Amino acid sequence: MASALSDRLSRIVKEMRGQARITESNVTDMLREVRMALLEADVALPVVRDFIARVKEKALGQEVVGSLTPGQALVAIVNRELAATMGEGVADINLAAQPPAVILMAGLQGAGKTTTTAKLAKHLIDKRKKKVLTVSGDVYRPAAIEQLKTVTAQAGAEWFPSTPDQKPADIARAAIDYAKKHFFDVLLVDTAGRLAIDEALMREIQELHAILKPVETLFVVDAMQGQDAVNTAKAFSDALPLTGIVLTKTDGDSRGGAALSVRAVTGAPIKFAGVSEKIDGLEVFDAERHAGRILGMGDILALVEQVTAGVDMASAQKLAAKVKSGGGFDLNDFLEQIRQMKQMGGLSSLMDKLPSALSAKAGQMDMGKAEKDIARKEGIICSMTLKERRKPEIIKATRKRRIANGAGVHVQEVNRLLKEFEQMQGMMKQMKGGGLMKMMKKMGGMKGMPKLPGMG
């Protein structure tokens, strides 16, 4: 949805450039484009109609503010209404209850409920400093119980055992009793899903809800479902008092309509979005920032947060002190920089959050190739001895052949890495003793931001 809507909006903005007022005619032109993009994104028709009506009402006859052109003013209105449709800002998870606070996870099979349960456990441990217990009530798929056990361990939470021969109601009672006795802050309950909605599923989850009395009942929905997500959301909303929505697979090649449709149909706020398959790939959902992504404005705040979370500040400060003191920049330091990049989620994850104009240029790079290149560099350095990493100047022909064989690459690849390292080492030497400004001038830094490698 992001690219379709962004392309249509930018085109209409160009056409409207130079006009002094927002008129009924140019509003109609723009909203036709927006309507088509939303329908292509699989947003539910009633949601599209309501959205278009709200934008039209607020846009007609509005004076252009300051230096804004009509096109830019309309984009601002669309941006605000997109955010409003998805829930206005951030809806935090509610843990205000006598421990354990119970969170019930609901949704169809295949939506990513089990993985999301573990991701949420990690979020609560890392961000809210809670002691978390998980349990599976999915007695119909033994693999689901084992899967929850595995991903719970990855999240650093504790798993409460259950077996396929137990009744979900008995599992729930035993889990909450254990959580109370062992002073857990939060109990996450993963429930059974089906390939389609049926009465048995709804009766079972309603019974669990009555037993557990959860503070949060979260509906987990696949962002790639599109129109089907609306029907599923409606059924669960009718059966349960949903308190929030978790969108999964938002990093996939989805048309993106679920984010707009599900919120409007259920009335429940979107609380989290799954942004990668990794155990820490769960973001608190911010409607305004998500609207910015849809409109091609990027999400610079999320990018900053991702970089900050991925950077080992102690390691960075240590390297800065080493360079400043003249301690030199060796291949161990180079390896550490490569690993920091991987820890941030890789190049493609960072590029996804750039505004569309920049990400389009970045898109000219082959991200898959760039990621493999980073992994190859790591492999080459890891094939070196500690002495070779500290003193790269000793790496001559025989050593290069051994390193290449160890890393499974050609000798040319080793030569290329050493050349890149020498260039970075030279930059680091210039940074010593206040040479940073000179280096920026050489890179064109005083005229604007230096270009990223490989981005023209």
Protein backbone atom coordinates (compact mmCIF):
# COMPACT_ATOMS: atom_id res chain seq x y z
CA MET A 1 0.00 0.00 0.00
CA ALA A 2 2.82 2.41 0.87
CA SER A 3 4.27 2.64 -2.64
CA ALA A 4 0.88 2.80 -4.43
CA LEU A 5 -0.53 5.55 -2.22
CA SER A 6 2.75 7.47 -2.11
CA ASP A 7 3.15 7.39 -5.91
CA ARG A 8 -0.41 8.56 -6.49
CA LEU A 9 -0.15 11.37 -3.93
CA SER A 10 3.17 12.69 -5.22
CA ARG A 11 1.81 12.74 -8.77
CA ILE A 12 -1.32 14.74 -7.83
CA VAL A 13 0.78 17.14 -5.69
CA LYS A 14 2.92 17.95 -8.75
CA GLU A 15 -0.20 18.58 -10.83
CA MET A 16 -1.63 20.95 -8.21
CA ARG A 17 1.56 22.97 -7.74
CA GLY A 18 1.03 26.72 -8.00
CA GLN A 19 -2.67 26.77 -7.10
CA ALA A 20 -3.61 29.20 -4.31
CA ARG A 21 -6.56 27.35 -2.80
CA ILE A 22 -7.87 23.88 -2.21
CA THR A 23 -10.94 23.63 -4.47
CA GLU A 24 -13.67 21.02 -4.83
CA SER A 25 -12.19 20.08 -8.18
CA ASN A 26 -8.61 19.41 -7.01
CA VAL A 27 -9.86 17.69 -3.83
CA THR A 28 -12.00 15.38 -5.98
CA ASP A 29 -9.02 14.61 -8.23
CA MET A 30 -6.78 13.76 -5.32
CA LEU A 31 -9.36 11.72 -3.42
CA ARG A 32 -10.05 9.65 -6.53
CA GLU A 33 -6.38 8.64 -6.46
CA VAL A 34 -6.46 7.97 -2.73
CA ARG A 35 -9.65 5.91 -3.04
CA MET A 36 -8.12 3.73 -5.79
CA ALA A 37 -4.94 3.18 -3.77
CA LEU A 38 -6.91 2.17 -0.65
CA LEU A 39 -9.11 -0.26 -2.59
CA GLU A 40 -6.03 -1.77 -4.25
CA ALA A 41 -4.57 -2.15 -0.76
CA ASP A 42 -7.59 -4.30 0.14
CA VAL A 43 -9.05 -1.83 2.65
CA ALA A 44 -12.71 -2.64 3.40
CA LEU A 45 -15.12 -0.58 1.28
CA PRO A 46 -17.07 0.94 4.24
CA VAL A 47 -13.75 2.08 5.76
CA VAL A 48 -12.69 3.67 2.45
CA ARG A 49 -16.01 5.52 2.12
CA ASP A 50 -15.82 6.87 5.68
CA PHE A 51 -12.17 7.90 5.26
CA ILE A 52 -12.77 9.73 1.97
CA ALA A 53 -15.81 11.55 3.40
CA ARG A 54 -13.80 12.78 6.41
CA VAL A 55 -10.89 14.02 4.29
CA LYS A 56 -13.23 15.80 1.85
CA GLU A 57 -15.10 17.55 4.66
CA LYS A 58 -11.87 18.85 6.23
CA ALA A 59 -10.16 19.79 2.96
CA LEU A 60 -12.80 21.74 1.06
CA GLY A 61 -12.13 25.45 0.94
CA GLN A 62 -9.21 25.31 3.40
CA GLU A 63 -6.82 28.22 3.00
CA VAL A 64 -3.25 27.21 2.25
CA VAL A 65 -1.16 27.71 5.37
CA GLY A 66 2.11 29.63 5.02
CA SER A 67 4.13 28.35 2.11
CA LEU A 68 2.25 25.08 1.73
CA THR A 69 0.85 24.33 -1.71
CA PRO A 70 -2.66 22.82 -1.96
CA GLY A 71 -1.12 19.43 -2.66
CA GLN A 72 1.01 19.52 0.48
CA ALA A 73 -1.94 20.73 2.56
CA LEU A 74 -4.04 17.83 1.31
CA VAL A 75 -1.25 15.35 2.10
CA ALA A 76 -1.19 16.73 5.66
CA ILE A 77 -4.97 16.18 5.97
CA VAL A 78 -4.72 12.65 4.54
CA ASN A 79 -1.85 11.92 6.94
CA ARG A 80 -3.89 13.07 9.97
CA GLU A 81 -6.97 11.10 8.92
CA LEU A 82 -4.90 7.95 8.24
CA ALA A 83 -3.52 8.19 11.77
CA ALA A 84 -7.02 8.75 13.15
CA THR A 85 -8.34 5.70 11.25
CA MET A 86 -5.61 3.53 12.77
CA GLY A 87 -6.18 4.84 16.30
CA GLU A 88 -4.37 8.11 17.06
CA GLY A 89 -0.90 7.76 18.55
CA VAL A 90 0.12 4.90 20.83
CA ALA A 91 -2.18 2.59 22.81
CA ASP A 92 -0.12 1.06 25.60
CA ILE A 93 -0.66 -2.43 26.96
CA ASN A 94 -2.59 -2.56 30.22
CA LEU A 95 -0.94 -4.38 33.15
CA ALA A 96 -2.95 -2.66 35.90
CA ALA A 97 -4.16 -5.76 37.76
CA GLN A 98 -3.35 -7.88 40.79
CA PRO A 99 -0.46 -10.08 39.55
CA PRO A 100 -0.46 -12.06 37.45
CA ALA A 101 -1.92 -9.79 34.75
CA VAL A 102 -3.38 -12.25 32.24
CA ILE A 103 -3.11 -11.58 28.50
CA LEU A 104 -5.21 -13.81 26.21
CA MET A 105 -4.00 -14.23 22.62
CA ALA A 106 -6.73 -14.90 20.04
CA GLY A 107 -6.75 -15.39 16.28
CA LEU A 108 -6.82 -17.88 13.42
CA GLN A 109 -4.20 -20.58 12.81
CA GLY A 110 -1.31 -19.27 10.72
CA ALA A 111 -1.64 -15.65 11.88
CA GLY A 112 1.55 -15.95 13.96
CA LYS A 113 -0.09 -16.19 17.40
CA THR A 114 2.48 -18.49 19.02
CA THR A 115 5.51 -16.53 17.80
CA THR A 116 3.81 -13.26 18.75
CA THR A 117 3.19 -14.61 22.28
CA ALA A 118 6.94 -15.12 22.72
CA LYS A 119 7.77 -11.75 21.11
CA LEU A 120 5.38 -10.05 23.53
CA ALA A 121 7.01 -11.93 26.42
CA LYS A 122 10.42 -10.57 25.36
CA HIS A 123 9.00 -7.05 25.01
CA LEU A 124 7.52 -7.20 28.54
CA ILE A 125 10.79 -8.55 29.97
CA ASP A 126 13.06 -6.05 28.19
CA LYS A 127 10.91 -2.91 28.19
CA ARG A 128 8.68 -3.33 31.25
CA LYS A 129 11.03 -5.48 33.41
CA LYS A 130 8.31 -8.06 34.10
CA LYS A 131 8.55 -11.71 35.14
CA VAL A 132 6.61 -13.55 32.42
CA LEU A 133 5.05 -17.03 32.17
CA THR A 134 3.62 -18.47 28.94
CA VAL A 135 1.23 -21.39 28.44
CA SER A 136 -0.36 -23.02 25.38
CA GLY A 137 -4.03 -23.96 25.33
CA ASP A 138 -3.74 -25.35 21.80
CA VAL A 139 -4.35 -29.04 22.53
CA TYR A 140 -5.21 -29.81 18.91
CA ARG A 141 -1.70 -29.25 17.57
CA PRO A 142 1.01 -30.85 19.74
CA ALA A 143 3.57 -29.00 17.60
CA ALA A 144 2.11 -25.69 18.80
CA ILE A 145 2.88 -26.58 22.44
CA GLU A 146 6.48 -27.49 21.56
CA GLN A 147 6.83 -24.38 19.41
CA LEU A 148 5.76 -22.16 22.30
CA LYS A 149 8.24 -23.93 24.57
CA THR A 150 11.08 -23.23 22.10
CA VAL A 151 10.29 -19.57 21.39
CA THR A 152 9.58 -18.84 25.06
CA ALA A 153 13.11 -20.01 25.91
CA GLN A 154 14.47 -17.69 23.19
CA ALA A 155 12.53 -14.80 24.75
CA GLY A 156 13.95 -15.49 28.22
CA ALA A 157 10.53 -16.16 29.77
CA GLU A 158 9.29 -19.28 31.61
CA TRP A 159 7.03 -21.86 29.93
CA PHE A 160 4.23 -23.73 31.74
CA PRO A 161 3.87 -27.29 30.37
CA SER A 162 0.61 -28.55 28.87
CA THR A 163 -0.30 -31.72 26.96
CA PRO A 164 -2.75 -32.57 24.12
CA ASP A 165 -4.81 -34.85 26.41
CA GLN A 166 -5.71 -31.96 28.76
CA LYS A 167 -8.74 -29.69 28.46
CA PRO A 168 -7.91 -26.03 27.71
CA ALA A 169 -9.97 -24.91 30.73
CA ASP A 170 -7.94 -27.17 33.07
CA ILE A 171 -4.67 -25.90 31.57
CA ALA A 172 -5.77 -22.30 32.17
CA ARG A 173 -6.68 -22.94 35.83
CA ALA A 174 -3.39 -24.78 36.50
CA ALA A 175 -1.31 -22.06 34.79
CA ILE A 176 -2.88 -19.18 36.69
CA ASP A 177 -2.49 -21.07 39.97
CA TYR A 178 1.21 -21.68 39.21
CA ALA A 179 1.70 -18.03 38.20
CA LYS A 180 0.22 -16.83 41.50
CA LYS A 181 2.29 -19.22 43.64
CA HIS A 182 5.54 -18.29 41.87
CA PHE A 183 4.93 -14.52 41.80
CA PHE A 184 4.80 -13.97 38.04
CA ASP A 185 3.86 -10.46 36.89
CA VAL A 186 2.30 -11.55 33.60
CA LEU A 187 0.71 -14.77 32.25
CA LEU A 188 0.49 -14.99 28.44
CA VAL A 189 -2.05 -17.56 27.21
CA ASP A 190 -1.69 -18.82 23.62
CA THR A 191 -5.03 -20.22 22.43
CA ALA A 192 -6.01 -22.69 19.70
CA GLY A 193 -6.62 -21.38 16.22
CA ARG A 194 -8.53 -22.82 13.29
CA LEU A 195 -8.15 -22.46 9.55
CA ALA A 196 -11.58 -20.83 9.58
CA ILE A 197 -13.98 -19.49 12.22
CA ASP A 198 -16.25 -22.11 13.79
CA GLU A 199 -18.61 -22.32 16.76
CA ALA A 200 -16.42 -24.74 18.73
CA LEU A 201 -13.45 -22.35 18.59
CA MET A 202 -15.55 -19.40 19.77
CA ARG A 203 -17.19 -21.33 22.62
CA GLU A 204 -13.79 -22.55 23.82
CA ILE A 205 -12.14 -19.13 23.83
CA GLN A 206 -15.19 -17.58 25.52
CA GLU A 207 -14.88 -20.21 28.29
CA LEU A 208 -11.17 -19.43 28.68
CA HIS A 209 -11.95 -15.72 28.86
CA ALA A 210 -14.48 -16.36 31.66
CA ILE A 211 -11.94 -18.44 33.66
CA LEU A 212 -8.90 -16.20 33.18
CA LYS A 213 -10.58 -12.77 33.34
CA PRO A 214 -7.72 -11.26 31.28
CA VAL A 215 -6.73 -7.58 31.49
CA GLU A 216 -5.91 -7.74 27.78
CA THR A 217 -7.53 -9.83 25.04
CA LEU A 218 -5.36 -9.33 21.97
CA PHE A 219 -6.51 -10.28 18.48
CA VAL A 220 -3.55 -11.41 16.36
CA VAL A 221 -4.10 -10.88 12.64
CA ASP A 222 -1.92 -11.40 9.57
CA ALA A 223 -1.40 -8.02 7.84
CA MET A 224 -1.24 -9.87 4.50
CA GLN A 225 -4.81 -11.21 4.82
CA GLY A 226 -6.39 -8.05 3.43
CA GLN A 227 -10.19 -8.29 3.12
CA ASP A 228 -10.33 -11.67 4.94
CA ALA A 229 -8.91 -9.99 8.04
CA VAL A 230 -12.07 -7.87 8.30
CA ASN A 231 -14.41 -10.90 8.49
CA THR A 232 -12.18 -12.65 11.03
CA ALA A 233 -11.88 -9.50 13.15
CA LYS A 234 -15.65 -9.00 13.14
CA ALA A 235 -16.27 -12.60 14.32
CA PHE A 236 -13.75 -12.39 17.18
CA SER A 237 -14.97 -8.92 18.15
CA ASP A 238 -18.56 -10.21 18.40
CA ALA A 239 -17.46 -13.17 20.56
CA LEU A 240 -14.91 -11.45 22.84
CA PRO A 241 -14.36 -8.01 24.39
CA LEU A 242 -11.16 -7.36 22.43
CA THR A 243 -8.85 -4.79 24.03
CA GLY A 244 -6.22 -4.60 21.31
CA ILE A 245 -4.88 -5.84 17.97
CA VAL A 246 -1.47 -7.19 17.00
CA LEU A 247 -0.63 -6.99 13.28
CA THR A 248 1.86 -9.66 12.17
CA LYS A 249 4.00 -9.90 9.02
CA THR A 250 3.93 -6.14 8.39
CA ASP A 251 7.41 -6.56 6.89
CA GLY A 252 6.04 -8.80 4.14
CA ASP A 253 4.95 -7.84 0.64
CA SER A 254 1.43 -7.02 1.84
CA ARG A 255 -1.03 -4.58 0.40
CA GLY A 256 -1.47 -3.25 3.93
CA GLY A 257 -5.23 -2.80 4.13
CA ALA A 258 -5.56 -4.77 7.37
CA ALA A 259 -4.12 -1.94 9.50
CA LEU A 260 -6.89 0.42 8.39
CA SER A 261 -9.75 -2.09 8.20
CA VAL A 262 -9.34 -4.08 11.43
CA ARG A 263 -9.15 -1.01 13.68
CA ALA A 264 -12.31 0.44 12.13
CA VAL A 265 -14.29 -2.84 12.30
CA THR A 266 -13.40 -3.84 15.89
CA GLY A 267 -13.00 -0.43 17.50
CA ALA A 268 -9.99 -1.92 19.35
CA PRO A 269 -6.65 -0.09 19.10
CA ILE A 270 -3.70 -1.61 17.26
CA LYS A 271 -1.13 -2.11 20.04
CA PHE A 272 1.75 -3.95 18.34
CA ALA A 273 3.11 -4.72 14.88
CA GLY A 274 5.37 -7.65 13.98
CA VAL A 275 8.19 -6.20 11.89
CA SER A 276 10.49 -9.21 11.46
CA GLU A 277 10.73 -12.92 12.21
CA LYS A 278 13.29 -12.32 14.96
CA ILE A 279 12.25 -12.74 18.60
CA ASP A 280 12.68 -8.99 19.16
CA GLY A 281 10.78 -8.14 15.97
CA LEU A 282 7.77 -6.59 17.69
CA GLU A 283 7.18 -2.83 17.72
CA VAL A 284 4.73 -0.78 19.77
CA PHE A 285 2.31 0.49 17.14
CA ASP A 286 2.28 4.25 16.62
CA ALA A 287 -0.55 5.30 14.29
CA GLU A 288 1.05 8.63 13.32
CA ARG A 289 4.37 7.05 12.44
CA HIS A 290 2.68 4.22 10.53
CA ALA A 291 0.67 6.80 8.57
CA GLY A 292 3.97 8.48 7.68
CA ARG A 293 5.30 5.19 6.35
CA ILE A 294 2.17 4.66 4.24
CA LEU A 295 2.57 8.13 2.72
CA GLY A 296 6.21 7.49 1.88
CA MET A 297 7.49 9.85 4.57
CA GLY A 298 9.45 7.05 6.20
CA ASP A 299 9.80 6.46 9.92
CA ILE A 300 12.96 8.22 11.01
CA LEU A 301 12.10 7.85 14.72
CA ALA A 302 11.85 4.07 14.35
CA LEU A 303 15.14 4.11 12.43
CA VAL A 304 16.86 6.05 15.23
CA GLU A 305 15.40 3.68 17.84
CA GLN A 306 16.55 0.63 15.87
CA VAL A 307 20.08 1.99 15.48
CA THR A 308 20.26 3.05 19.15
CA ALA A 309 19.03 -0.34 20.35
CA GLY A 310 21.50 -2.16 18.10
CA VAL A 311 24.58 -0.14 19.00
CA ASP A 312 26.70 -1.24 21.93
CA MET A 313 27.39 2.21 23.38
CA ALA A 314 30.19 0.97 25.65
CA SER A 315 31.93 -0.62 22.66
CA ALA A 316 31.47 2.53 20.54
CA GLN A 317 32.91 4.76 23.27
CA LYS A 318 35.84 2.39 23.73
CA LEU A 319 36.61 2.53 20.00
CA ALA A 320 36.33 6.35 19.97
CA ALA A 321 38.74 6.63 22.91
CA LYS A 322 41.16 4.22 21.23
CA VAL A 323 41.18 6.18 17.96
CA LYS A 324 41.52 9.53 19.75
CA SER A 325 44.51 8.30 21.77
CA GLY A 326 46.23 7.06 18.61
CA GLY A 327 45.76 3.40 19.51
CA GLY A 328 45.01 2.54 15.89
CA PHE A 329 42.09 0.86 14.14
CA ASP A 330 42.64 -2.86 13.51
CA LEU A 331 40.66 -5.68 11.92
CA ASN A 332 39.11 -6.63 15.27
CA ASP A 333 37.56 -3.14 15.33
CA PHE A 334 36.47 -3.57 11.70
CA LEU A 335 34.81 -6.90 12.61
CA GLU A 336 33.01 -5.23 15.53
CA GLN A 337 31.55 -2.60 13.14
CA ILE A 338 30.28 -5.34 10.81
CA ARG A 339 28.62 -7.15 13.72
CA GLN A 340 27.01 -3.92 14.94
CA MET A 341 25.42 -3.53 11.49
CA LYS A 342 24.03 -7.08 11.68
CA GLN A 343 22.74 -6.44 15.20
CA MET A 344 20.76 -3.44 13.92
CA GLY A 345 18.76 -5.78 11.69
CA GLY A 346 20.83 -5.47 8.51
CA LEU A 347 20.69 -3.00 5.62
CA SER A 348 17.23 -3.91 4.30
CA SER A 349 15.62 -3.40 7.71
CA LEU A 350 17.20 0.06 8.01
CA MET A 351 16.29 1.06 4.44
CA ASP A 352 12.63 0.14 5.00
CA LYS A 353 12.32 3.06 7.42
CA LEU A 354 13.78 5.70 5.11
CA PRO A 355 11.44 8.15 3.33
CA SER A 356 10.38 6.83 -0.08
CA ALA A 357 12.59 9.25 -2.03
CA LEU A 358 15.70 7.95 -0.26
CA SER A 359 14.60 4.32 -0.10
CA ALA A 360 13.86 4.39 -3.84
CA LYS A 361 17.47 5.38 -4.44
CA ALA A 362 18.61 2.77 -1.93
CA GLY A 363 16.40 0.29 -3.79
CA GLN A 364 18.78 0.57 -6.73
CA MET A 365 21.21 -1.39 -4.57
CA ASP A 366 20.87 -5.17 -4.51
CA MET A 367 20.10 -5.55 -0.78
CA GLY A 368 20.43 -9.33 -0.86
CA LYS A 369 23.87 -9.01 -2.42
CA ALA A 370 24.87 -6.30 0.10
CA GLU A 371 23.79 -8.48 3.06
CA LYS A 372 25.79 -11.45 1.67
CA ASP A 373 28.79 -9.17 1.18
CA ILE A 374 28.67 -8.17 4.87
CA ALA A 375 28.47 -11.84 5.92
CA ARG A 376 31.41 -12.67 3.59
CA LYS A 377 33.55 -9.94 5.15
CA GLU A 378 32.80 -11.33 8.61
CA GLY A 379 33.80 -14.83 7.43
CA ILE A 380 37.12 -13.59 6.00
CA ILE A 381 38.14 -11.77 9.21
CA CYS A 382 37.09 -14.77 11.32
CA SER A 383 39.46 -16.95 9.21
CA MET A 384 42.42 -14.84 10.33
CA THR A 385 44.56 -15.42 13.39
CA LEU A 386 44.42 -12.91 16.26
CA LYS A 387 47.89 -11.70 15.32
CA GLU A 388 46.81 -11.11 11.70
CA ARG A 389 43.80 -9.10 12.87
CA ARG A 390 46.03 -6.93 15.09
CA LYS A 391 48.74 -6.53 12.42
CA PRO A 392 47.16 -6.75 8.94
CA GLU A 393 50.45 -5.67 7.35
CA ILE A 394 51.84 -9.21 7.88
CA ILE A 395 49.14 -10.72 5.63
CA LYS A 396 51.08 -11.60 2.46
CA ALA A 397 50.39 -14.07 -0.40
CA THR A 398 50.64 -17.36 1.59
CA ARG A 399 48.50 -16.09 4.44
CA LYS A 400 45.93 -14.65 1.98
CA ARG A 401 45.54 -18.08 0.32
CA ARG A 402 45.03 -19.75 3.72
CA ILE A 403 42.47 -17.12 4.81
CA ALA A 404 40.61 -17.41 1.48
CA ASN A 405 40.43 -21.22 1.80
CA GLY A 406 39.20 -20.92 5.39
CA ALA A 407 36.45 -18.47 4.42
CA GLY A 408 35.51 -20.31 1.21
CA VAL A 409 36.25 -17.29 -1.04
CA HIS A 410 38.73 -16.27 -3.74
CA VAL A 411 41.98 -14.48 -2.83
CA GLN A 412 40.62 -11.40 -4.66
CA GLU A 413 37.89 -11.14 -1.99
CA VAL A 414 40.56 -11.06 0.75
CA ASN A 415 42.44 -8.35 -1.17
CA ARG A 416 39.23 -6.32 -1.56
CA LEU A 417 38.49 -6.51 2.17
CA LEU A 418 42.03 -5.46 3.09
CA LYS A 419 41.79 -2.49 0.72
CA GLU A 420 38.47 -1.41 2.29
CA PHE A 421 40.02 -1.80 5.72
CA GLU A 422 42.99 0.40 4.72
CA GLN A 423 40.59 3.11 3.52
CA MET A 424 38.69 3.04 6.81
CA GLN A 425 41.95 2.97 8.76
CA GLY A 426 43.02 6.11 6.88
CA MET A 427 39.77 7.83 7.80
CA MET A 428 40.26 6.90 11.44
CA LYS A 429 43.78 8.38 11.43
CA GLN A 430 42.36 11.66 10.11
CA MET A 431 39.83 11.71 12.96
CA LYS A 432 42.68 11.63 15.49
CA GLY A 433 43.47 15.07 16.88
CA GLY A 434 40.59 17.02 15.35
CA GLY A 435 41.03 16.01 11.74
CA LEU A 436 37.31 15.25 11.42
CA MET A 437 36.45 18.62 9.80
CA LYS A 438 39.17 18.15 7.16
CA MET A 439 37.87 14.68 6.43
CA MET A 440 34.28 15.98 6.07
CA LYS A 441 35.45 18.63 3.61
CA LYS A 442 37.15 15.97 1.50
CA MET A 443 33.97 13.87 1.53
CA GLY A 444 31.81 16.86 0.63
CA GLY A 445 30.37 16.90 4.10
CA MET A 446 30.35 20.70 4.32
CA LYS A 447 28.09 20.93 1.25
CA GLY A 448 25.64 18.34 2.49
CA MET A 449 25.50 14.82 3.79
CA PRO A 450 28.09 12.47 2.26
CA LYS A 451 26.63 9.80 -0.02
CA LEU A 452 26.25 6.30 1.33
CA PRO A 453 28.52 3.70 -0.29
CA GLY A 454 26.84 2.12 -3.30
CA MET A 455 24.02 4.70 -3.41
CA GLY A 456 25.41 6.86 -6.17
